[in-house]
Protein backbone atom coordinates (compact mmCIF):
# COMPACT_ATOMS: atom_id res chain seq x y z
CA MET A 1 253.28 -52.98 184.71
CA ILE A 2 252.08 -49.38 185.03
CA GLN A 3 250.00 -49.71 181.88
CA SER A 4 248.28 -52.75 183.38
CA ALA A 5 247.51 -50.84 186.57
CA ILE A 6 246.11 -47.94 184.56
CA ALA A 7 244.02 -50.36 182.50
CA ILE A 8 242.66 -52.01 185.66
CA VAL A 9 241.76 -48.68 187.27
CA THR A 10 240.18 -47.46 184.04
CA GLY A 11 238.19 -50.69 183.82
CA LEU A 12 236.99 -50.28 187.40
CA ILE A 13 235.95 -46.69 186.78
CA LEU A 14 234.12 -47.69 183.62
CA GLY A 15 232.43 -50.60 185.41
CA LEU A 16 231.33 -48.36 188.28
CA PHE A 17 230.11 -45.74 185.85
CA THR A 18 228.10 -48.37 183.95
CA LEU A 19 226.56 -49.64 187.18
CA ILE A 20 225.58 -46.13 188.27
CA ILE A 21 224.02 -45.29 184.89
CA SER A 22 222.14 -48.60 184.89
CA VAL A 23 220.64 -47.85 188.29
CA ILE A 24 219.69 -44.32 187.22
CA ALA A 25 218.09 -45.62 184.02
CA ALA A 26 216.13 -48.19 186.05
CA ILE A 27 214.90 -45.42 188.36
CA GLU A 28 213.87 -43.30 185.37
CA GLU A 29 212.05 -46.24 183.76
CA ALA A 30 210.27 -47.08 187.02
CA GLY A 31 209.22 -43.45 187.30
CA ARG A 32 207.90 -43.47 183.74
CA ARG A 33 205.94 -46.69 184.30
CA GLY A 34 204.53 -45.34 187.55
CA LEU A 35 203.35 -42.17 185.87
CA VAL A 36 201.80 -44.15 183.01
CA ALA A 37 200.02 -46.41 185.51
CA LEU A 38 198.64 -43.34 187.27
CA GLY A 39 197.34 -42.00 183.95
CA VAL A 40 199.44 -38.84 184.00
CA PRO A 41 199.36 -37.00 180.64
CA HIS A 42 202.45 -37.29 178.45
CA GLN A 43 203.51 -33.63 178.72
CA VAL A 44 203.26 -33.76 182.52
CA GLN A 45 205.24 -37.03 182.52
CA THR A 46 208.00 -35.36 180.53
CA ALA A 47 208.17 -32.44 182.94
CA LEU A 48 208.21 -34.69 186.00
CA LEU A 49 210.86 -36.97 184.49
CA ALA A 50 212.97 -33.92 183.62
CA LEU A 51 212.77 -32.89 187.28
CA LEU A 52 213.66 -36.42 188.34
CA LEU A 53 216.70 -36.42 186.05
CA LEU A 54 217.73 -33.02 187.42
CA VAL A 55 217.55 -34.39 190.97
CA LEU A 56 219.58 -37.43 189.92
CA VAL A 57 222.22 -35.14 188.37
CA VAL A 58 222.50 -33.19 191.62
CA LEU A 59 222.71 -36.42 193.62
CA SER A 60 225.38 -37.78 191.28
CA PHE A 61 227.51 -34.68 191.91
CA ARG A 62 227.01 -35.06 195.66
CA LEU A 63 227.63 -38.79 195.87
CA PHE A 64 230.25 -39.47 193.22
CA GLY A 65 232.27 -36.30 193.00
CA ARG A 66 232.91 -34.09 190.06
CA LEU A 67 234.41 -36.66 187.72
CA PHE A 68 231.54 -39.11 187.94
CA GLY A 69 229.09 -36.27 188.25
CA VAL A 70 230.11 -34.75 184.94
CA LEU A 71 230.05 -38.12 183.18
CA ILE A 72 226.68 -39.05 184.69
CA ALA A 73 225.28 -35.59 183.92
CA ALA A 74 226.25 -36.00 180.26
CA VAL A 75 224.46 -39.34 180.06
CA LEU A 76 221.41 -38.01 181.92
CA LEU A 77 221.21 -35.05 179.58
CA ALA A 78 221.25 -37.51 176.68
CA LEU A 79 218.38 -39.37 178.39
CA LEU A 80 216.54 -36.08 178.84
CA PHE A 81 216.98 -35.15 175.18
CA HIS A 82 215.75 -38.61 174.23
CA ALA A 83 212.69 -38.18 176.45
CA LEU A 84 211.97 -34.74 174.99
CA PHE A 85 212.60 -35.36 171.31
CA ALA A 86 211.90 -39.08 170.79
CA PRO A 87 209.49 -40.18 173.54
CA GLU A 88 207.58 -42.67 171.41
CA VAL A 89 210.66 -44.53 170.15
CA THR A 90 211.03 -47.56 172.41
CA ALA A 91 212.54 -50.18 170.12
CA PHE A 92 214.40 -50.48 166.86
CA SER A 93 213.19 -52.60 163.99
CA PHE A 94 215.44 -53.75 161.20
């Protein structure tokens, strides 16, 4: 019984975390598309998106507490590293 309750709570936390990360990724993608549409150079785009991700990290700490904030910050840092080191990779081909 307790294991089921723990599994349900863990599932809810994971689901909420996935939803939050999906929204943040959509915001980042919309920001990238907006900057491309405005003709902003790639290096400036990267800097602006890094600032956007920093703001989203701060907001995640404010809105979702430390637990979600740390998890979201880890994912956002992974997105930042992806934007910095592999910006041209958009799809995989097999």
